[in-house]
């Protein structure tokens, strides 16, 4: 059962709501037990993003092979005014999975160019990341107020759905929707629609289908940063659950499944081995070549995004692409 904790951090323009769930370490332990006892084995992608994992992902976004961040930045740099101008005078900006909020600045600056103040509602699992990014934004924008939520997506959306706001633009950037399974993506967008009123809008970033070689290179960078990001999940299990995963005994393995239109990411055991997870009193036996699934990243076409919108209470009003047509920013309007 969620118990909101409110933190006012010596700045009347900043409030952070901490939606405290049951013991997060216990959740992590149970998910690891269930995933590594399954056949085939799997781990949940949300656990990739501890503090080090988040820093590694920020580094991934700078890699030459990882075109997604540059493509989305290009769209926002070129079209932020069109995007904001597509809905009637929004005075509230919501961002799901805000992280460092670096790309969000382009939208914030555009919104503040013709209004006296703006309420920004970032949502992220990490309260410390929210505080850091919020303080930087407040220093940059004196007319900005921030009411942040440290929570998982669905917890935050349930709280936000109870509140009344003015005209709202919501952001879900970086192709984060790609990490949902199809039914999860629909559930997320329906929950997002429950937060928004008719006439509000969601800007949805989505990576597009393209050549297999380009997609696989984006998730198998030559410097090995993505591999370190994947293996950091094993580091987290070692640290939190007193396990003895031997990192060099696992290889990052990412391939594009053209039929399912998704990148599939695994950790591959390079030899037969037994891993002991002491706090779970669990032994995990792996054969050489056995895969532990960690993440999928679905790739869309514009027709698929429009269909997803229509199934979840939205209509896709516009789509903007980068110059090389690799990435899309889609304006979904909330409708009856």
Protein backbone atom coordinates (compact mmCIF):
# COMPACT_ATOMS: atom_id res chain seq x y z
CA UNK A 1 0.00 0.00 0.00
CA UNK A 2 1.48 3.35 -1.02
CA UNK A 3 2.14 5.94 1.65
CA UNK A 4 2.98 9.37 0.21
CA UNK A 5 5.84 11.21 1.87
CA UNK A 6 6.10 14.93 1.18
CA UNK A 7 9.45 16.72 1.11
CA UNK A 8 9.79 20.48 0.85
CA UNK A 9 13.46 21.18 0.22
CA UNK A 10 14.13 24.76 1.40
CA UNK A 11 12.63 26.17 -1.77
CA UNK A 12 8.97 27.10 -1.99
CA UNK A 13 9.06 26.32 -5.72
CA UNK A 14 10.04 22.66 -5.18
CA UNK A 15 8.02 19.83 -3.68
CA UNK A 16 8.91 16.13 -4.01
CA UNK A 17 6.27 13.51 -3.29
CA UNK A 18 7.87 10.22 -2.30
CA UNK A 19 5.43 7.39 -2.88
CA UNK A 20 6.86 4.80 -0.54
CA UNK A 21 6.04 1.22 -1.47
CA UNK A 22 6.60 -1.91 0.53
CA UNK A 23 10.19 -2.98 1.05
CA UNK A 24 11.92 -2.38 -2.30
CA UNK A 25 14.79 -4.72 -1.47
CA UNK A 26 12.28 -7.48 -0.76
CA UNK A 27 10.64 -6.80 -4.14
CA UNK A 28 14.01 -6.95 -5.85
CA UNK A 29 14.92 -10.19 -4.08
CA UNK A 30 11.63 -11.86 -5.02
CA UNK A 31 11.88 -10.74 -8.64
CA UNK A 32 15.45 -12.08 -8.87
CA UNK A 33 14.40 -15.38 -7.30
CA UNK A 34 11.46 -15.78 -9.67
CA UNK A 35 13.36 -14.72 -12.77
CA UNK A 36 16.41 -16.90 -12.23
CA UNK A 37 14.29 -19.90 -11.23
CA UNK A 38 12.29 -19.66 -14.47
CA UNK A 39 13.00 -21.36 -17.76
CA UNK A 40 14.12 -19.48 -19.77
CA UNK A 41 15.76 -17.27 -17.16
CA UNK A 42 15.04 -13.56 -17.05
CA UNK A 43 15.61 -10.41 -15.01
CA UNK A 44 13.46 -7.27 -15.04
CA UNK A 45 14.72 -4.29 -17.04
CA UNK A 46 13.62 -1.75 -14.41
CA UNK A 47 16.42 -2.99 -12.15
CA UNK A 48 19.06 -1.92 -14.65
CA UNK A 49 18.65 1.66 -13.44
CA UNK A 50 20.35 1.88 -10.07
CA UNK A 51 22.63 4.90 -9.55
CA UNK A 52 25.53 3.45 -11.54
CA UNK A 53 23.20 2.00 -14.17
CA UNK A 54 21.60 5.42 -14.71
CA UNK A 55 25.05 6.99 -15.12
CA UNK A 56 26.03 4.31 -17.63
CA UNK A 57 22.84 4.91 -19.59
CA UNK A 58 23.63 8.65 -19.73
CA UNK A 59 27.00 7.64 -21.22
CA UNK A 60 25.28 5.33 -23.74
CA UNK A 61 23.25 8.31 -24.97
CA UNK A 62 26.51 10.01 -26.03
CA UNK A 63 27.88 7.08 -28.04
CA UNK A 64 28.19 7.44 -31.83
CA UNK A 65 26.22 4.22 -32.46
CA UNK A 66 23.32 5.25 -30.19
CA UNK A 67 21.54 7.60 -32.57
CA UNK A 68 18.25 7.81 -30.62
CA UNK A 69 19.15 10.69 -28.29
CA UNK A 70 20.69 12.83 -31.04
CA UNK A 71 17.73 12.21 -33.33
CA UNK A 72 15.20 13.21 -30.67
CA UNK A 73 17.25 16.29 -29.72
CA UNK A 74 17.27 17.29 -33.38
CA UNK A 75 13.47 17.07 -33.51
CA UNK A 76 13.00 19.09 -30.33
CA UNK A 77 15.51 21.75 -31.41
CA UNK A 78 13.76 22.19 -34.74
CA UNK A 79 10.15 21.78 -33.74
CA UNK A 80 9.63 22.66 -30.05
CA UNK A 81 7.64 25.77 -31.00
CA UNK A 82 5.38 23.75 -33.33
CA UNK A 83 4.88 21.07 -30.70
CA UNK A 84 3.93 23.54 -27.97
CA UNK A 85 1.80 25.54 -30.41
CA UNK A 86 -0.22 22.44 -31.30
CA UNK A 87 -2.22 22.59 -28.06
CA UNK A 88 -4.02 25.51 -26.47
CA UNK A 89 -1.91 27.44 -23.91
CA UNK A 90 -0.57 24.62 -21.69
CA UNK A 91 0.49 25.79 -18.23
CA UNK A 92 1.45 22.37 -16.84
CA UNK A 93 4.17 20.06 -18.13
CA UNK A 94 4.36 16.43 -16.97
CA UNK A 95 7.33 14.21 -17.79
CA UNK A 96 7.38 10.48 -17.16
CA UNK A 97 10.85 9.03 -16.55
CA UNK A 98 12.43 12.48 -16.44
CA UNK A 99 15.98 11.45 -15.46
CA UNK A 100 18.30 14.44 -15.92
CA UNK A 101 15.57 16.34 -17.86
CA UNK A 102 18.20 17.55 -20.33
CA UNK A 103 15.98 17.34 -23.42
CA UNK A 104 13.05 18.75 -21.45
CA UNK A 105 14.77 22.12 -21.27
CA UNK A 106 13.91 22.76 -24.91
CA UNK A 107 10.20 22.36 -24.17
CA UNK A 108 10.37 24.31 -20.88
CA UNK A 109 12.10 27.26 -22.57
CA UNK A 110 9.52 27.32 -25.34
CA UNK A 111 6.62 27.21 -22.89
CA UNK A 112 8.09 29.96 -20.70
CA UNK A 113 8.66 32.23 -23.70
CA UNK A 114 5.05 33.47 -23.58
CA UNK A 115 3.67 32.70 -20.09
CA UNK A 116 4.40 34.07 -16.66
CA UNK A 117 4.95 30.72 -14.94
CA UNK A 118 4.94 26.99 -15.59
CA UNK A 119 4.29 24.00 -13.34
CA UNK A 120 6.62 21.09 -14.15
CA UNK A 121 5.73 17.64 -12.78
CA UNK A 122 8.63 15.21 -13.33
CA UNK A 123 8.24 11.53 -12.41
CA UNK A 124 11.22 9.28 -11.77
CA UNK A 125 11.94 6.27 -9.58
CA UNK A 126 14.95 8.01 -8.00
CA UNK A 127 14.22 10.77 -5.46
CA UNK A 128 17.89 11.83 -5.46
CA UNK A 129 17.94 12.17 -9.26
CA UNK A 130 14.75 14.22 -9.11
CA UNK A 131 16.19 16.54 -6.50
CA UNK A 132 19.43 17.07 -8.45
CA UNK A 133 17.73 17.78 -11.77
CA UNK A 134 15.02 19.94 -10.16
CA UNK A 135 17.52 22.19 -8.40
CA UNK A 136 19.41 22.74 -11.66
CA UNK A 137 16.19 23.61 -13.50
CA UNK A 138 15.00 26.01 -10.78
CA UNK A 139 18.32 27.86 -10.92
CA UNK A 140 17.92 28.25 -14.68
CA UNK A 141 14.23 29.22 -14.77
CA UNK A 142 12.96 31.61 -12.06
CA UNK A 143 9.36 31.31 -13.33
CA UNK A 144 9.31 27.52 -13.01
CA UNK A 145 7.62 25.60 -10.18
CA UNK A 146 8.28 21.88 -9.71
CA UNK A 147 6.08 19.28 -8.05
CA UNK A 148 7.97 16.02 -8.48
CA UNK A 149 6.97 12.41 -7.85
CA UNK A 150 9.52 9.78 -6.82
CA UNK A 151 7.62 6.67 -7.82
CA UNK A 152 7.12 3.98 -10.40
CA UNK A 153 5.05 5.02 -13.41
CA UNK A 154 1.71 3.50 -12.48
CA UNK A 155 1.92 4.64 -8.85
CA UNK A 156 2.53 8.22 -9.94
CA UNK A 157 -0.18 8.15 -12.59
CA UNK A 158 -2.72 6.88 -10.05
CA UNK A 159 -1.94 9.88 -7.83
CA UNK A 160 -1.92 12.37 -10.71
CA UNK A 161 -5.31 11.11 -11.92
CA UNK A 162 -6.88 12.32 -8.66
CA UNK A 163 -5.84 15.95 -9.23
CA UNK A 164 -7.18 18.86 -11.23
CA UNK A 165 -4.79 20.83 -13.42
CA UNK A 166 -4.89 23.41 -16.17
CA UNK A 167 -4.16 22.60 -19.79
CA UNK A 168 -1.42 19.97 -19.75
CA UNK A 169 1.29 18.72 -22.07
CA UNK A 170 2.80 15.38 -21.00
CA UNK A 171 6.12 14.00 -22.22
CA UNK A 172 7.30 10.41 -22.58
CA UNK A 173 10.59 10.82 -24.39
CA UNK A 174 13.59 8.73 -25.37
CA UNK A 175 11.54 5.86 -26.79
CA UNK A 176 10.89 4.62 -23.25
CA UNK A 177 7.63 3.19 -24.58
CA UNK A 178 9.77 0.69 -26.51
CA UNK A 179 10.70 -1.09 -23.28
CA UNK A 180 7.08 -2.07 -22.62
CA UNK A 181 5.60 -5.25 -23.97
CA UNK A 182 2.67 -4.37 -26.32
CA UNK A 183 -0.07 -4.89 -23.71
CA UNK A 184 1.99 -3.00 -21.12
CA UNK A 185 2.33 -0.09 -23.57
CA UNK A 186 -1.44 0.01 -23.96
CA UNK A 187 -1.94 -0.15 -20.18
CA UNK A 188 0.54 2.70 -19.68
CA UNK A 189 -1.12 4.93 -22.27
CA UNK A 190 -4.57 4.22 -20.82
CA UNK A 191 -3.26 5.23 -17.38
CA UNK A 192 -1.75 8.34 -18.93
CA UNK A 193 -5.06 9.14 -20.62
CA UNK A 194 -6.81 8.95 -17.22
CA UNK A 195 -4.53 11.76 -16.04
CA UNK A 196 -5.26 14.02 -19.01
CA UNK A 197 -8.43 15.90 -19.93
CA UNK A 198 -9.88 16.17 -23.43
CA UNK A 199 -7.66 18.63 -25.28
CA UNK A 200 -4.53 17.81 -23.28
CA UNK A 201 -1.70 16.11 -25.15
CA UNK A 202 1.10 13.58 -24.82
CA UNK A 203 4.35 13.89 -26.77
CA UNK A 204 5.48 10.31 -27.28
CA UNK A 205 9.00 9.55 -28.49
CA UNK A 206 9.29 6.29 -30.43
CA UNK A 207 12.19 4.72 -32.27
CA UNK A 208 11.35 3.57 -35.79
CA UNK A 209 11.94 0.32 -37.66
CA UNK A 210 15.08 0.37 -39.79
CA UNK A 211 17.97 -1.76 -41.03
CA UNK A 212 19.04 -4.57 -38.70
CA UNK A 213 22.68 -3.46 -38.85
CA UNK A 214 21.88 0.04 -37.55
CA UNK A 215 19.68 -1.26 -34.75
CA UNK A 216 22.11 -3.92 -33.56
CA UNK A 217 25.03 -1.47 -33.61
CA UNK A 218 23.06 0.90 -31.36
CA UNK A 219 22.85 -1.82 -28.68
CA UNK A 220 26.34 -3.31 -29.21
CA UNK A 221 28.61 -0.27 -29.08
CA UNK A 222 32.29 -0.67 -29.86
CA UNK A 223 33.42 0.75 -26.50
CA UNK A 224 31.43 -1.79 -24.52
CA UNK A 225 29.43 0.73 -22.49
CA UNK A 226 26.14 -1.05 -23.19
CA UNK A 227 27.74 -4.33 -22.14
CA UNK A 228 28.83 -2.71 -18.86
CA UNK A 229 25.28 -1.39 -18.39
CA UNK A 230 23.87 -4.91 -18.82
CA UNK A 231 26.41 -6.58 -16.54
CA UNK A 232 25.86 -3.93 -13.87
CA UNK A 233 22.59 -5.74 -13.10
CA UNK A 234 24.71 -8.70 -11.96
CA UNK A 235 26.83 -6.32 -9.88
CA UNK A 236 23.66 -5.10 -8.22
CA UNK A 237 22.58 -8.65 -7.38
CA UNK A 238 26.05 -9.42 -6.01
CA UNK A 239 25.96 -6.37 -3.77
CA UNK A 240 22.35 -6.47 -2.58
CA UNK A 241 21.85 -10.23 -2.29
CA UNK A 242 25.39 -11.46 -1.55
CA UNK A 243 25.75 -13.34 -4.81
CA UNK A 244 28.91 -14.43 -6.63
CA UNK A 245 28.23 -13.69 -10.29
CA UNK A 246 31.59 -13.66 -12.13
CA UNK A 247 31.19 -10.77 -14.56
CA UNK A 248 33.78 -11.91 -17.17
CA UNK A 249 31.82 -15.18 -17.42
CA UNK A 250 28.88 -13.33 -19.04
CA UNK A 251 28.61 -11.66 -22.43
CA UNK A 252 26.19 -8.91 -23.43
CA UNK A 253 24.08 -10.25 -26.30
CA UNK A 254 21.70 -8.01 -28.30
CA UNK A 255 19.99 -9.07 -31.54
CA UNK A 256 17.15 -7.69 -33.65
CA UNK A 257 14.13 -9.96 -34.01
CA UNK A 258 12.63 -8.76 -37.29
CA UNK A 259 9.40 -10.74 -36.91
CA UNK A 260 8.63 -9.26 -33.47
CA UNK A 261 10.19 -5.90 -34.44
CA UNK A 262 12.28 -5.68 -31.29
CA UNK A 263 15.83 -5.69 -30.02
CA UNK A 264 16.23 -8.59 -27.57
CA UNK A 265 18.93 -8.18 -24.93
CA UNK A 266 20.40 -11.03 -22.90
CA UNK A 267 23.36 -11.90 -20.74
CA UNK A 268 24.96 -15.06 -22.12
CA UNK A 269 26.77 -17.50 -19.84
CA UNK A 270 30.15 -18.20 -21.45
CA UNK A 271 30.67 -21.46 -19.58
CA UNK A 272 28.85 -23.97 -17.44
CA UNK A 273 28.68 -22.46 -13.96
CA UNK A 274 26.79 -22.35 -10.68
CA UNK A 275 26.03 -18.98 -9.08
CA UNK A 276 25.23 -18.81 -5.38
CA UNK A 277 22.87 -16.08 -4.15
CA UNK A 278 23.32 -16.36 -0.42
CA UNK A 279 20.54 -14.07 0.79
CA UNK A 280 18.07 -16.08 -1.29
CA UNK A 281 19.62 -19.42 -0.34
CA UNK A 282 19.54 -20.10 -4.06
CA UNK A 283 21.94 -21.83 -6.45
CA UNK A 284 21.53 -20.91 -10.12
CA UNK A 285 22.97 -23.42 -12.59
CA UNK A 286 23.76 -22.27 -16.10
CA UNK A 287 25.08 -24.19 -19.09
CA UNK A 288 27.48 -22.72 -21.62
CA UNK A 289 25.57 -20.47 -24.01
CA UNK A 290 22.51 -20.15 -21.76
CA UNK A 291 20.79 -16.75 -21.95
CA UNK A 292 19.33 -14.58 -19.20
CA UNK A 293 16.84 -12.19 -20.81
CA UNK A 294 17.08 -8.62 -19.46
CA UNK A 295 15.26 -6.30 -21.84
CA UNK A 296 13.31 -5.85 -25.07
CA UNK A 297 13.20 -2.65 -27.11
CA UNK A 298 10.33 -2.56 -29.60
CA UNK A 299 10.59 -0.60 -32.83
CA UNK A 300 7.53 1.05 -34.33
CA UNK A 301 6.23 2.38 -37.62
CA UNK A 302 3.97 5.43 -37.80
CA UNK A 303 0.89 3.31 -38.51
CA UNK A 304 1.56 1.25 -35.39
CA UNK A 305 1.87 4.38 -33.25
CA UNK A 306 -1.41 5.74 -34.62
CA UNK A 307 -3.11 2.42 -33.85
CA UNK A 308 -1.68 2.40 -30.31
CA UNK A 309 -3.04 5.92 -29.81
CA UNK A 310 -6.52 5.08 -31.07
CA UNK A 311 -6.73 2.04 -28.79
CA UNK A 312 -5.94 4.06 -25.67
CA UNK A 313 -8.08 7.21 -25.84
CA UNK A 314 -5.83 9.37 -28.02
CA UNK A 315 -5.59 10.43 -31.62
CA UNK A 316 -2.21 11.04 -33.21
CA UNK A 317 -2.44 14.61 -34.42
CA UNK A 318 1.09 15.04 -35.77
CA UNK A 319 4.43 13.29 -36.05
CA UNK A 320 7.85 14.90 -36.43
CA UNK A 321 10.90 12.96 -37.70
CA UNK A 322 14.60 13.69 -37.63
CA UNK A 323 16.29 14.39 -40.95
CA UNK A 324 17.35 10.75 -41.44
CA UNK A 325 13.88 9.49 -40.45
CA UNK A 326 15.17 7.22 -37.71
CA UNK A 327 13.11 8.54 -34.80
CA UNK A 328 9.63 9.99 -34.29
CA UNK A 329 8.05 12.46 -31.87
CA UNK A 330 4.29 11.94 -31.89
CA UNK A 331 1.70 14.37 -30.57
CA UNK A 332 -1.20 12.35 -29.15
CA UNK A 333 -4.31 14.38 -28.31
CA UNK A 334 -6.64 13.17 -25.56
CA UNK A 335 -10.12 12.64 -27.03
CA UNK A 336 -13.53 11.42 -25.83
